[in-house]
Structures are given as C-alpha cells and as structure tokens.
Amino acid sequence: MRSMTLDGLINVYKEKGYTSFDVVAKLRGILHQKKIGHTGTLDPDAEGVLPVCLGKATKLCEMLTDKDKVYEAVIKLGVRTDTQDMSGTVLGTKGYAGDVSAIENAVRSFEGSMEQIPPMYSAVKVNGKKLYELARKGITVERQPRSITVYYINIKNINLDEGYVSIETCVSKGTYIRTLCEDIGIALGCDACMAKLIRTRSGTFEIADSLTLDGIAKLADEGRLHEAVTAIDNVFSMPAAVLKKEADRYLRNGNEISSAMFKMIENIPQKKAFLNTGDNDICVYFSDMTFGAVYRKIGGDGDLCRYKVFKMF
C-alpha cells in the first residue's frame, strides 16, 4: 500500500456518472489520505474540469470556487423537466415554432449581470436543508434569487430539426447552466432543458490538462503522481518574499513580519498562477525557500500580518 501525503492541487476530469463527492472519495482511496476537497460541484450527468485540493491546499477550496468557469452545453428545445435536465421527470413538451435568428437574439440577451433562482435539485441550503433533499420528497420551497454574471455566451450549433442548441458560456460562481437553459426556452416561448454539460475551464484549470481518476491512479502506481500536482504557492499570482534566517521563527510562530526581515522580495515565476487575493498580499517563504503563508500588509510602514497559513508548524 502506498503511503503519501500530498499538498497541492490536481486538475481532475470528472467523468459522467460520478458526483463531485464520489471523486473526492475515490481520490482518498487512490492517494491514501483523508484531507481532500473539491472546488465546485458538478452534477452527476455533467463532466469536465474539477480542481481538487489536497492536504494543506484544502484551505484554497473556497478561494478557488469563486473563480469564473467555462461550459459547453446542449439545450434540448421542447422538453421541460423537474431537474431542468434530461434525467428528470418530463413536466412539459411545448415545442419551438420560431426561426434561427430568434434563437440567436434570445441567447445573446442572457449576457451580462442578472438574478437567477437556484433550482430545487441543487445543493443550496434553505433553513438548513439541501434543496435536492426536499425536492426528492416532492417539497418545493421559495428560493431567493442570486446575482450572477454571464460574461459571454456563444452559439456553436443550432439543429432545429432535432431541437438542439449547442452553446459555450463563461459564467460567475453560483451560476446554474441547467437553469440558464430552461430560461432560454422561456424567452423563446417553449419548454427547454439541458441535454449535456461539459466544464472546459475552472479559473485557469483547462480541460486539456485534466486527468481522469484512472489516469491519476496510474501515475500513483508508477510513482509519478507529483507530475500532476500543482504546488500551493504556484497557484498564487502575487509578489513573493524570502525571509532572513534569523526571521524564520516569526513566520513559524505566526507573528507579524516587517519588511526589514526580508532578504529578497520579487515576483517569483510561477506556473499556472492565477489567484491574487489582493494588492496588499504577499507570499512569504522561509529562508530555505520553503513556502509558509500568505501575509497581508497592515498600515503604510510595510509591516505584515498573517492572512492564510499553509505550513504546519
């Protein structure tokens, strides 16, 4: 049995049929470590990019979930279901009677900021209960709309004969593509639901770089798993500072740090760097170049206090 403790991120390709929690559970078995978390739920019927945080990197989960995401989806016109996708119970079959130009206009009208009501079949909690748990009991409750942004939405293909519209869209955190598909149908005066969904990007994690669970297991068996793991500090896009040796103890104890304690401050090259928590934040390293924490500037004298610690002392 392999024994390893990994701290970092893996770009997982979630295959159809798995829940996001299934992916985490299977990775725990592959890696033999418990501390693992995902960065954004994908429905069981959906597939694509699911960044997963390992070990100390689980502190990044919430921060990474906030990033924009890109999806490719197929809308089925003429069908409405209780789950807003093809897996649910059919509630309506009102077909589309318009032309292609009306679809193009309707789809483009959804670009920009708007309010969206979360679907009943979702993990959103109302009064401590997950909506999908209530939905499975036949209970429908009022949901508060959420502010979302559709940064762009492009039509890739329209097949009126079979009633399918393929789109690509970039959206903000908390956007339900299933709901977007149904709402497009409403704008067209017909029933609609989501027939297919692939997440092609989450933050800067691209589908081309993702690995299936089988692929990750193969790398683990070959002792090459490190090739798939992005180090925690490589996620941040911000200045980096290396401490003088005599100042290591301040970082080790989580104390405030002054600029006089640094032997070097620079933009250390990082791969796949995309997370910048703020202009006043800086990655702090021990004198031996071991990454320790993200610190935040306080006041105008250059002093910093700890913001998020990743090195366990």
C-alpha atoms as a PDB file:
ATOM      1  CA  MET A   1       0.000   0.000   0.000  1.00  0.00           C
ATOM      2  CA  ARG A   2       1.299   3.448  -0.940  1.00  0.00           C
ATOM      3  CA  SER A   3       1.888   5.904   1.885  1.00  0.00           C
ATOM      4  CA  MET A   4       1.964   9.550   0.869  1.00  0.00           C
ATOM      5  CA  THR A   5       0.832  12.959   1.964  1.00  0.00           C
ATOM      6  CA  LEU A   6       0.329  15.418  -0.831  1.00  0.00           C
ATOM      7  CA  ASP A   7      -0.203  19.161  -0.529  1.00  0.00           C
ATOM      8  CA  GLY A   8      -1.351  20.832  -3.734  1.00  0.00           C
ATOM      9  CA  LEU A   9      -3.961  20.724  -6.467  1.00  0.00           C
ATOM     10  CA  ILE A  10      -4.918  18.150  -9.098  1.00  0.00           C
ATOM     11  CA  ASN A  11      -6.921  19.028 -12.202  1.00  0.00           C
ATOM     12  CA  VAL A  12      -9.396  16.123 -12.303  1.00  0.00           C
ATOM     13  CA  TYR A  13     -11.577  15.253 -15.289  1.00  0.00           C
ATOM     14  CA  LYS A  14     -14.868  14.297 -13.638  1.00  0.00           C
ATOM     15  CA  GLU A  15     -16.494  11.647 -15.753  1.00  0.00           C
ATOM     16  CA  LYS A  16     -20.232  11.263 -16.266  1.00  0.00           C
ATOM     17  CA  GLY A  17     -21.971   9.228 -13.581  1.00  0.00           C
ATOM     18  CA  TYR A  18     -19.818  10.413 -10.674  1.00  0.00           C
ATOM     19  CA  THR A  19     -20.808  13.085  -8.171  1.00  0.00           C
ATOM     20  CA  SER A  20     -18.121  15.553  -7.103  1.00  0.00           C
ATOM     21  CA  PHE A  21     -18.111  13.812  -3.716  1.00  0.00           C
ATOM     22  CA  ASP A  22     -17.565  10.461  -5.459  1.00  0.00           C
ATOM     23  CA  VAL A  23     -14.401  11.934  -6.992  1.00  0.00           C
ATOM     24  CA  VAL A  24     -13.139  13.015  -3.579  1.00  0.00           C
ATOM     25  CA  ALA A  25     -13.929   9.602  -2.064  1.00  0.00           C
ATOM     26  CA  LYS A  26     -12.147   7.733  -4.860  1.00  0.00           C
ATOM     27  CA  LEU A  27      -9.112  10.006  -4.601  1.00  0.00           C
ATOM     28  CA  ARG A  28      -8.904   9.277  -0.889  1.00  0.00           C
ATOM     29  CA  GLY A  29      -8.627   5.617  -1.812  1.00  0.00           C
ATOM     30  CA  ILE A  30      -6.056   6.216  -4.540  1.00  0.00           C
ATOM     31  CA  LEU A  31      -3.876   8.587  -2.505  1.00  0.00           C
ATOM     32  CA  HIS A  32      -4.477   7.055   0.943  1.00  0.00           C
ATOM     33  CA  GLN A  33      -5.045  10.418   2.559  1.00  0.00           C
ATOM     34  CA  LYS A  34      -8.208  11.890   4.036  1.00  0.00           C
ATOM     35  CA  LYS A  35      -7.744  15.635   3.674  1.00  0.00           C
ATOM     36  CA  ILE A  36      -9.122  16.265   0.169  1.00  0.00           C
ATOM     37  CA  GLY A  37     -11.734  18.746  -1.063  1.00  0.00           C
ATOM     38  CA  HIS A  38     -13.179  19.840  -4.406  1.00  0.00           C
ATOM     39  CA  THR A  39     -13.626  23.401  -5.658  1.00  0.00           C
ATOM     40  CA  GLY A  40     -17.047  23.456  -7.280  1.00  0.00           C
ATOM     41  CA  THR A  41     -19.832  20.899  -7.616  1.00  0.00           C
ATOM     42  CA  LEU A  42     -20.610  19.240 -10.944  1.00  0.00           C
ATOM     43  CA  ASP A  43     -23.871  17.343 -11.435  1.00  0.00           C
ATOM     44  CA  PRO A  44     -23.562  13.545 -11.879  1.00  0.00           C
ATOM     45  CA  ASP A  45     -24.551  13.797 -15.564  1.00  0.00           C
ATOM     46  CA  ALA A  46     -22.037  16.600 -16.179  1.00  0.00           C
ATOM     47  CA  GLU A  47     -18.363  16.090 -16.885  1.00  0.00           C
ATOM     48  CA  GLY A  48     -15.167  18.065 -17.168  1.00  0.00           C
ATOM     49  CA  VAL A  49     -12.762  20.089 -15.077  1.00  0.00           C
ATOM     50  CA  LEU A  50     -12.921  19.659 -11.292  1.00  0.00           C
ATOM     51  CA  PRO A  51      -9.892  21.101  -9.464  1.00  0.00           C
ATOM     52  CA  VAL A  52      -9.282  19.123  -6.278  1.00  0.00           C
ATOM     53  CA  CYS A  53      -7.280  20.359  -3.289  1.00  0.00           C
ATOM     54  CA  LEU A  54      -5.030  18.001  -1.333  1.00  0.00           C
ATOM     55  CA  GLY A  55      -3.734  18.285   2.216  1.00  0.00           C
ATOM     56  CA  LYS A  56      -2.873  21.846   3.268  1.00  0.00           C
ATOM     57  CA  ALA A  57      -4.219  23.088  -0.076  1.00  0.00           C
ATOM     58  CA  THR A  58      -7.789  22.435   1.136  1.00  0.00           C
ATOM     59  CA  LYS A  59      -7.532  25.936   2.593  1.00  0.00           C
ATOM     60  CA  LEU A  60      -7.783  27.119  -1.010  1.00  0.00           C
ATOM     61  CA  CYS A  61     -11.120  25.405  -1.755  1.00  0.00           C
ATOM     62  CA  GLU A  62     -13.351  28.369  -1.027  1.00  0.00           C
ATOM     63  CA  MET A  63     -10.997  30.799  -2.761  1.00  0.00           C
ATOM     64  CA  LEU A  64     -10.897  28.723  -5.953  1.00  0.00           C
ATOM     65  CA  THR A  65     -14.645  28.099  -6.021  1.00  0.00           C
ATOM     66  CA  ASP A  66     -15.129  31.842  -6.548  1.00  0.00           C
ATOM     67  CA  LYS A  67     -13.420  31.792  -9.957  1.00  0.00           C
ATOM     68  CA  ASP A  68     -15.246  32.056 -13.283  1.00  0.00           C
ATOM     69  CA  LYS A  69     -15.972  28.882 -15.231  1.00  0.00           C
ATOM     70  CA  VAL A  70     -16.469  27.966 -18.887  1.00  0.00           C
ATOM     71  CA  TYR A  71     -19.017  25.377 -20.026  1.00  0.00           C
ATOM     72  CA  GLU A  72     -20.159  23.756 -23.223  1.00  0.00           C
ATOM     73  CA  ALA A  73     -23.826  22.844 -23.030  1.00  0.00           C
ATOM     74  CA  VAL A  74     -26.546  21.437 -25.258  1.00  0.00           C
ATOM     75  CA  ILE A  75     -30.081  22.771 -24.855  1.00  0.00           C
ATOM     76  CA  LYS A  76     -32.971  20.487 -25.768  1.00  0.00           C
ATOM     77  CA  LEU A  77     -35.920  22.543 -27.022  1.00  0.00           C
ATOM     78  CA  GLY A  78     -39.427  21.230 -26.478  1.00  0.00           C
ATOM     79  CA  VAL A  79     -38.831  19.426 -23.166  1.00  0.00           C
ATOM     80  CA  ARG A  80     -39.158  20.702 -19.597  1.00  0.00           C
ATOM     81  CA  THR A  81     -38.277  18.527 -16.575  1.00  0.00           C
ATOM     82  CA  ASP A  82     -38.313  18.825 -12.796  1.00  0.00           C
ATOM     83  CA  THR A  83     -34.488  18.653 -12.688  1.00  0.00           C
ATOM     84  CA  GLN A  84     -34.011  21.024 -15.656  1.00  0.00           C
ATOM     85  CA  ASP A  85     -32.016  18.320 -17.445  1.00  0.00           C
ATOM     86  CA  MET A  86     -32.815  15.141 -19.375  1.00  0.00           C
ATOM     87  CA  SER A  87     -32.504  12.940 -16.269  1.00  0.00           C
ATOM     88  CA  GLY A  88     -35.673  14.297 -14.683  1.00  0.00           C
ATOM     89  CA  THR A  89     -39.393  13.715 -14.968  1.00  0.00           C
ATOM     90  CA  VAL A  90     -40.940  15.425 -18.001  1.00  0.00           C
ATOM     91  CA  LEU A  91     -43.281  18.253 -16.996  1.00  0.00           C
ATOM     92  CA  GLY A  92     -43.932  19.827 -20.389  1.00  0.00           C
ATOM     93  CA  THR A  93     -43.360  19.332 -24.119  1.00  0.00           C
ATOM     94  CA  LYS A  94     -44.175  22.690 -25.683  1.00  0.00           C
ATOM     95  CA  GLY A  95     -42.113  22.871 -28.880  1.00  0.00           C
ATOM     96  CA  TYR A  96     -40.286  25.767 -30.517  1.00  0.00           C
ATOM     97  CA  ALA A  97     -42.015  27.343 -33.512  1.00  0.00           C
ATOM     98  CA  GLY A  98     -39.586  30.154 -34.349  1.00  0.00           C
ATOM     99  CA  ASP A  99     -36.518  30.524 -36.539  1.00  0.00           C
ATOM    100  CA  VAL A 100     -32.735  30.571 -36.050  1.00  0.00           C
ATOM    101  CA  SER A 101     -32.445  34.350 -35.743  1.00  0.00           C
ATOM    102  CA  ALA A 102     -34.865  34.392 -32.800  1.00  0.00           C
ATOM    103  CA  ILE A 103     -32.696  31.808 -31.011  1.00  0.00           C
ATOM    104  CA  GLU A 104     -29.567  33.859 -31.644  1.00  0.00           C
ATOM    105  CA  ASN A 105     -31.217  37.000 -30.252  1.00  0.00           C
ATOM    106  CA  ALA A 106     -32.634  35.198 -27.229  1.00  0.00           C
ATOM    107  CA  VAL A 107     -29.341  33.544 -26.319  1.00  0.00           C
ATOM    108  CA  ARG A 108     -27.367  36.799 -26.581  1.00  0.00           C
ATOM    109  CA  SER A 109     -29.907  38.543 -24.339  1.00  0.00           C
ATOM    110  CA  PHE A 110     -28.627  36.474 -21.415  1.00  0.00           C
ATOM    111  CA  GLU A 111     -25.168  38.045 -21.461  1.00  0.00           C
ATOM    112  CA  GLY A 112     -24.435  40.324 -18.519  1.00  0.00           C
ATOM    113  CA  SER A 113     -25.408  40.513 -14.851  1.00  0.00           C
ATOM    114  CA  MET A 114     -28.766  39.191 -13.713  1.00  0.00           C
ATOM    115  CA  GLU A 115     -30.681  37.457 -10.923  1.00  0.00           C
ATOM    116  CA  GLN A 116     -31.078  33.672 -11.069  1.00  0.00           C
ATOM    117  CA  ILE A 117     -33.244  31.475  -8.846  1.00  0.00           C
ATOM    118  CA  PRO A 118     -31.402  28.268  -7.828  1.00  0.00           C
ATOM    119  CA  PRO A 119     -33.155  25.062  -8.958  1.00  0.00           C
ATOM    120  CA  MET A 120     -34.839  22.785  -6.432  1.00  0.00           C
ATOM    121  CA  TYR A 121     -32.485  19.995  -7.465  1.00  0.00           C
ATOM    122  CA  SER A 122     -29.355  21.698  -6.116  1.00  0.00           C
ATOM    123  CA  ALA A 123     -27.135  21.601  -3.038  1.00  0.00           C
ATOM    124  CA  VAL A 124     -28.217  25.089  -1.934  1.00  0.00           C
ATOM    125  CA  LYS A 125     -29.472  25.060   1.655  1.00  0.00           C
ATOM    126  CA  VAL A 126     -32.718  26.656   2.833  1.00  0.00           C
ATOM    127  CA  ASN A 127     -33.321  26.595   6.601  1.00  0.00           C
ATOM    128  CA  GLY A 128     -30.515  24.067   6.958  1.00  0.00           C
ATOM    129  CA  LYS A 129     -31.936  21.634   4.395  1.00  0.00           C
ATOM    130  CA  LYS A 130     -30.408  20.955   0.981  1.00  0.00           C
ATOM    131  CA  LEU A 131     -32.898  21.734  -1.745  1.00  0.00           C
ATOM    132  CA  TYR A 132     -32.426  18.433  -3.553  1.00  0.00           C
ATOM    133  CA  GLU A 133     -33.338  16.561  -0.359  1.00  0.00           C
ATOM    134  CA  LEU A 134     -36.628  18.460  -0.218  1.00  0.00           C
ATOM    135  CA  ALA A 135     -37.205  18.040  -3.965  1.00  0.00           C
ATOM    136  CA  ARG A 136     -36.877  14.260  -3.687  1.00  0.00           C
ATOM    137  CA  LYS A 137     -39.702  14.327  -1.132  1.00  0.00           C
ATOM    138  CA  GLY A 138     -41.870  16.332  -3.516  1.00  0.00           C
ATOM    139  CA  ILE A 139     -41.460  19.523  -1.498  1.00  0.00           C
ATOM    140  CA  THR A 140     -40.951  22.852  -3.254  1.00  0.00           C
ATOM    141  CA  VAL A 141     -39.877  25.909  -1.260  1.00  0.00           C
ATOM    142  CA  GLU A 142     -39.327  29.544  -2.103  1.00  0.00           C
ATOM    143  CA  ARG A 143     -35.735  30.326  -3.103  1.00  0.00           C
ATOM    144  CA  GLN A 144     -34.085  33.708  -3.038  1.00  0.00           C
ATOM    145  CA  PRO A 145     -32.575  34.856  -6.362  1.00  0.00           C
ATOM    146  CA  ARG A 146     -28.807  35.146  -6.603  1.00  0.00           C
ATOM    147  CA  SER A 147     -26.746  37.664  -8.525  1.00  0.00           C
ATOM    148  CA  ILE A 148     -24.777  36.026 -11.332  1.00  0.00           C
ATOM    149  CA  THR A 149     -22.866  37.173 -14.397  1.00  0.00           C
ATOM    150  CA  VAL A 150     -22.799  35.573 -17.832  1.00  0.00           C
ATOM    151  CA  TYR A 151     -19.577  37.016 -19.243  1.00  0.00           C
ATOM    152  CA  TYR A 152     -20.272  35.648 -22.694  1.00  0.00           C
ATOM    153  CA  ILE A 153     -22.494  33.079 -24.357  1.00  0.00           C
ATOM    154  CA  ASN A 154     -21.797  31.867 -27.886  1.00  0.00           C
ATOM    155  CA  ILE A 155     -23.893  29.594 -30.075  1.00  0.00           C
ATOM    156  CA  LYS A 156     -21.868  26.737 -31.520  1.00  0.00           C
ATOM    157  CA  ASN A 157     -24.632  24.953 -33.420  1.00  0.00           C
ATOM    158  CA  ILE A 158     -28.397  25.022 -33.975  1.00  0.00           C
ATOM    159  CA  ASN A 159     -30.314  21.955 -35.165  1.00  0.00           C
ATOM    160  CA  LEU A 160     -33.985  22.883 -35.475  1.00  0.00           C
ATOM    161  CA  ASP A 161     -34.925  19.506 -36.959  1.00  0.00           C
ATOM    162  CA  GLU A 162     -33.935  17.709 -33.749  1.00  0.00           C
ATOM    163  CA  GLY A 163     -34.471  20.683 -31.439  1.00  0.00           C
ATOM    164  CA  TYR A 164     -30.934  21.127 -30.130  1.00  0.00           C
ATOM    165  CA  VAL A 165     -28.897  24.295 -29.498  1.00  0.00           C
ATOM    166  CA  SER A 166     -25.211  23.984 -28.544  1.00  0.00           C
ATOM    167  CA  ILE A 167     -23.645  26.854 -26.604  1.00  0.00           C
ATOM    168  CA  GLU A 168     -20.389  27.835 -24.918  1.00  0.00           C
ATOM    169  CA  THR A 169     -20.582  30.199 -21.978  1.00  0.00           C
ATOM    170  CA  CYS A 170     -18.336  31.758 -19.329  1.00  0.00           C
ATOM    171  CA  VAL A 171     -20.116  32.435 -16.046  1.00  0.00           C
ATOM    172  CA  SER A 172     -19.509  33.561 -12.495  1.00  0.00           C
ATOM    173  CA  LYS A 173     -19.629  31.482  -9.337  1.00  0.00           C
ATOM    174  CA  GLY A 174     -23.050  30.060  -8.475  1.00  0.00           C
ATOM    175  CA  THR A 175     -24.476  30.057 -11.995  1.00  0.00           C
ATOM    176  CA  TYR A 176     -26.672  27.059 -12.815  1.00  0.00           C
ATOM    177  CA  ILE A 177     -26.397  26.189 -16.500  1.00  0.00           C
ATOM    178  CA  ARG A 178     -29.479  23.967 -16.205  1.00  0.00           C
ATOM    179  CA  THR A 179     -31.494  26.978 -15.129  1.00  0.00           C
ATOM    180  CA  LEU A 180     -29.960  29.099 -17.876  1.00  0.00           C
ATOM    181  CA  CYS A 181     -31.062  26.528 -20.466  1.00  0.00           C
ATOM    182  CA  GLU A 182     -34.634  26.482 -19.143  1.00  0.00           C
ATOM    183  CA  ASP A 183     -34.733  30.285 -19.017  1.00  0.00           C
ATOM    184  CA  ILE A 184     -33.599  30.494 -22.645  1.00  0.00           C
ATOM    185  CA  GLY A 185     -36.545  28.265 -23.517  1.00  0.00           C
ATOM    186  CA  ILE A 186     -38.902  30.571 -21.632  1.00  0.00           C
ATOM    187  CA  ALA A 187     -37.513  33.530 -23.605  1.00  0.00           C
ATOM    188  CA  LEU A 188     -38.245  31.577 -26.796  1.00  0.00           C
ATOM    189  CA  GLY A 189     -41.778  30.718 -25.693  1.00  0.00           C
ATOM    190  CA  CYS A 190     -41.137  26.991 -25.444  1.00  0.00           C
ATOM    191  CA  ASP A 191     -40.091  24.316 -22.982  1.00  0.00           C
ATOM    192  CA  ALA A 192     -36.371  23.587 -22.712  1.00  0.00           C
ATOM    193  CA  CYS A 193     -33.871  21.730 -20.558  1.00  0.00           C
ATOM    194  CA  MET A 194     -30.174  20.860 -20.534  1.00  0.00           C
ATOM    195  CA  ALA A 195     -29.200  17.779 -22.534  1.00  0.00           C
ATOM    196  CA  LYS A 196     -25.426  17.818 -21.974  1.00  0.00           C
ATOM    197  CA  LEU A 197     -22.846  19.736 -19.953  1.00  0.00           C
ATOM    198  CA  ILE A 198     -19.046  19.821 -20.011  1.00  0.00           C
ATOM    199  CA  ARG A 199     -16.977  22.200 -17.885  1.00  0.00           C
ATOM    200  CA  THR A 200     -13.968  23.098 -20.007  1.00  0.00           C
ATOM    201  CA  ARG A 201     -12.322  25.569 -17.655  1.00  0.00           C
ATOM    202  CA  SER A 202     -12.384  26.479 -13.961  1.00  0.00           C
ATOM    203  CA  GLY A 203     -10.249  29.502 -13.186  1.00  0.00           C
ATOM    204  CA  THR A 204      -7.153  28.708 -15.231  1.00  0.00           C
ATOM    205  CA  PHE A 205      -7.502  24.934 -14.953  1.00  0.00           C
ATOM    206  CA  GLU A 206      -8.120  23.749 -18.521  1.00  0.00           C
ATOM    207  CA  ILE A 207      -9.775  20.557 -19.703  1.00  0.00           C
ATOM    208  CA  ALA A 208      -6.767  19.768 -21.905  1.00  0.00           C
ATOM    209  CA  ASP A 209      -4.623  19.404 -18.772  1.00  0.00           C
ATOM    210  CA  SER A 210      -7.124  17.367 -16.729  1.00  0.00           C
ATOM    211  CA  LEU A 211      -6.723  13.737 -15.710  1.00  0.00           C
ATOM    212  CA  THR A 212      -9.306  11.009 -15.196  1.00  0.00           C
ATOM    213  CA  LEU A 213      -9.334   9.055 -11.942  1.00  0.00           C
ATOM    214  CA  ASP A 214      -7.838   6.083 -13.799  1.00  0.00           C
ATOM    215  CA  GLY A 215      -5.072   8.312 -15.116  1.00  0.00           C
ATOM    216  CA  ILE A 216      -4.311   9.595 -11.630  1.00  0.00           C
ATOM    217  CA  ALA A 217      -4.269   6.040 -10.243  1.00  0.00           C
ATOM    218  CA  LYS A 218      -1.822   5.020 -12.982  1.00  0.00           C
ATOM    219  CA  LEU A 219       0.538   7.879 -12.125  1.00  0.00           C
ATOM    220  CA  ALA A 220       0.318   6.946  -8.437  1.00  0.00           C
ATOM    221  CA  ASP A 221       1.176   3.306  -9.203  1.00  0.00           C
ATOM    222  CA  GLU A 222       4.166   4.456 -11.261  1.00  0.00           C
ATOM    223  CA  GLY A 223       5.376   6.820  -8.528  1.00  0.00           C
ATOM    224  CA  ARG A 224       4.853   9.824 -10.809  1.00  0.00           C
ATOM    225  CA  LEU A 225       1.928  11.495  -9.106  1.00  0.00           C
ATOM    226  CA  HIS A 226       3.969  14.619  -8.397  1.00  0.00           C
ATOM    227  CA  GLU A 227       3.807  15.359 -12.127  1.00  0.00           C
ATOM    228  CA  ALA A 228       0.062  16.008 -11.816  1.00  0.00           C
ATOM    229  CA  VAL A 229       0.136  18.099  -8.630  1.00  0.00           C
ATOM    230  CA  THR A 230       0.348  21.896  -8.703  1.00  0.00           C
ATOM    231  CA  ALA A 231       2.175  23.197  -5.629  1.00  0.00           C
ATOM    232  CA  ILE A 232       0.215  25.552  -3.381  1.00  0.00           C
ATOM    233  CA  ASP A 233       2.452  28.566  -3.948  1.00  0.00           C
ATOM    234  CA  ASN A 234       2.247  28.067  -7.720  1.00  0.00           C
ATOM    235  CA  VAL A 235      -1.442  28.928  -7.509  1.00  0.00           C
ATOM    236  CA  PHE A 236      -0.804  32.483  -6.325  1.00  0.00           C
ATOM    237  CA  SER A 237      -0.057  35.395  -8.612  1.00  0.00           C
ATOM    238  CA  MET A 238       1.464  37.990  -6.298  1.00  0.00           C
ATOM    239  CA  PRO A 239       4.864  39.220  -5.074  1.00  0.00           C
ATOM    240  CA  ALA A 240       6.941  36.767  -3.049  1.00  0.00           C
ATOM    241  CA  ALA A 241       9.282  37.462  -0.151  1.00  0.00           C
ATOM    242  CA  VAL A 242      12.023  35.290   1.335  1.00  0.00           C
ATOM    243  CA  LEU A 243      12.917  35.800   4.986  1.00  0.00           C
ATOM    244  CA  LYS A 244      16.336  36.190   6.526  1.00  0.00           C
ATOM    245  CA  LYS A 245      17.286  33.094   8.510  1.00  0.00           C
ATOM    246  CA  GLU A 246      17.000  34.847  11.854  1.00  0.00           C
ATOM    247  CA  ALA A 247      13.419  35.855  10.985  1.00  0.00           C
ATOM    248  CA  ASP A 248      12.188  32.302  10.273  1.00  0.00           C
ATOM    249  CA  ARG A 249      10.928  31.992  13.833  1.00  0.00           C
ATOM    250  CA  TYR A 250       8.488  34.879  13.301  1.00  0.00           C
ATOM    251  CA  LEU A 251       6.826  33.056  10.424  1.00  0.00           C
ATOM    252  CA  ARG A 252       6.963  29.765  12.316  1.00  0.00           C
ATOM    253  CA  ASN A 253       5.102  31.356  15.222  1.00  0.00           C
ATOM    254  CA  GLY A 254       2.648  33.256  13.015  1.00  0.00           C
ATOM    255  CA  ASN A 255       3.921  36.643  14.234  1.00  0.00           C
ATOM    256  CA  GLU A 256       3.776  39.936  12.393  1.00  0.00           C
ATOM    257  CA  ILE A 257       6.636  40.491   9.961  1.00  0.00           C
ATOM    258  CA  SER A 258       8.336  43.727   8.934  1.00  0.00           C
ATOM    259  CA  SER A 259       9.972  44.483   5.592  1.00  0.00           C
ATOM    260  CA  ALA A 260      13.360  44.614   7.340  1.00  0.00           C
ATOM    261  CA  MET A 261      13.120  40.844   7.903  1.00  0.00           C
ATOM    262  CA  PHE A 262      13.177  40.015   4.188  1.00  0.00           C
ATOM    263  CA  LYS A 263      16.331  39.209   2.283  1.00  0.00           C
ATOM    264  CA  MET A 264      14.508  39.251  -1.053  1.00  0.00           C
ATOM    265  CA  ILE A 265      11.194  40.476  -2.446  1.00  0.00           C
ATOM    266  CA  GLU A 266      10.347  39.768  -6.065  1.00  0.00           C
ATOM    267  CA  ASN A 267       7.836  38.254  -8.451  1.00  0.00           C
ATOM    268  CA  ILE A 268       8.979  34.638  -8.331  1.00  0.00           C
ATOM    269  CA  PRO A 269       7.990  32.876 -11.593  1.00  0.00           C
ATOM    270  CA  GLN A 270       5.055  30.558 -11.039  1.00  0.00           C
ATOM    271  CA  LYS A 271       3.299  28.123 -13.373  1.00  0.00           C
ATOM    272  CA  LYS A 272      -0.461  28.228 -13.730  1.00  0.00           C
ATOM    273  CA  ALA A 273      -0.516  31.178 -11.330  1.00  0.00           C
ATOM    274  CA  PHE A 274      -3.896  32.868 -11.238  1.00  0.00           C
ATOM    275  CA  LEU A 275      -5.043  33.551  -7.692  1.00  0.00           C
ATOM    276  CA  ASN A 276      -4.438  37.058  -6.388  1.00  0.00           C
ATOM    277  CA  THR A 277      -6.238  37.696  -3.117  1.00  0.00           C
ATOM    278  CA  GLY A 278      -5.422  41.411  -3.057  1.00  0.00           C
ATOM    279  CA  ASP A 279      -2.886  44.123  -3.816  1.00  0.00           C
ATOM    280  CA  ASN A 280      -1.726  44.109  -0.185  1.00  0.00           C
ATOM    281  CA  ASP A 281      -0.928  40.391  -0.071  1.00  0.00           C
ATOM    282  CA  ILE A 282       2.428  38.676  -0.466  1.00  0.00           C
ATOM    283  CA  CYS A 283       3.673  35.069  -0.464  1.00  0.00           C
ATOM    284  CA  VAL A 284       6.160  34.577   2.363  1.00  0.00           C
ATOM    285  CA  TYR A 285       8.896  31.919   2.260  1.00  0.00           C
ATOM    286  CA  PHE A 286      11.298  30.668   4.886  1.00  0.00           C
ATOM    287  CA  SER A 287      14.970  31.391   4.320  1.00  0.00           C
ATOM    288  CA  ASP A 288      15.390  27.923   2.751  1.00  0.00           C
ATOM    289  CA  MET A 289      12.720  28.824   0.124  1.00  0.00           C
ATOM    290  CA  THR A 290      10.041  26.639   1.751  1.00  0.00           C
ATOM    291  CA  PHE A 291       6.630  28.251   1.252  1.00  0.00           C
ATOM    292  CA  GLY A 292       4.946  29.217   4.509  1.00  0.00           C
ATOM    293  CA  ALA A 293       2.000  31.564   4.205  1.00  0.00           C
ATOM    294  CA  VAL A 294       0.256  34.465   2.563  1.00  0.00           C
ATOM    295  CA  TYR A 295       0.693  37.639   4.595  1.00  0.00           C
ATOM    296  CA  ARG A 296      -1.231  40.889   4.298  1.00  0.00           C
ATOM    297  CA  LYS A 297       0.179  44.415   4.588  1.00  0.00           C
ATOM    298  CA  ILE A 298      -1.102  46.454   7.511  1.00  0.00           C
ATOM    299  CA  GLY A 299      -0.680  50.207   7.501  1.00  0.00           C
ATOM    300  CA  GLY A 300       1.852  52.127   5.458  1.00  0.00           C
ATOM    301  CA  ASP A 301       5.042  51.103   7.262  1.00  0.00           C
ATOM    302  CA  GLY A 302       5.494  47.786   5.437  1.00  0.00           C
ATOM    303  CA  ASP A 303       4.518  45.513   8.325  1.00  0.00           C
ATOM    304  CA  LEU A 304       2.530  42.368   7.505  1.00  0.00           C
ATOM    305  CA  CYS A 305       0.206  40.096   9.430  1.00  0.00           C
ATOM    306  CA  ARG A 306      -0.613  36.517   8.508  1.00  0.00           C
ATOM    307  CA  TYR A 307      -3.643  36.014   6.246  1.00  0.00           C
ATOM    308  CA  LYS A 308      -3.573  32.319   5.337  1.00  0.00           C
ATOM    309  CA  VAL A 309      -1.000  29.840   6.655  1.00  0.00           C
ATOM    310  CA  PHE A 310      -0.122  26.710   4.674  1.00  0.00           C
ATOM    311  CA  LYS A 311       2.965  25.489   6.520  1.00  0.00           C
ATOM    312  CA  MET A 312       2.094  23.349   9.540  1.00  0.00           C
ATOM    313  CA  PHE A 313       4.432  24.011  12.447  1.00  0.00           C
END
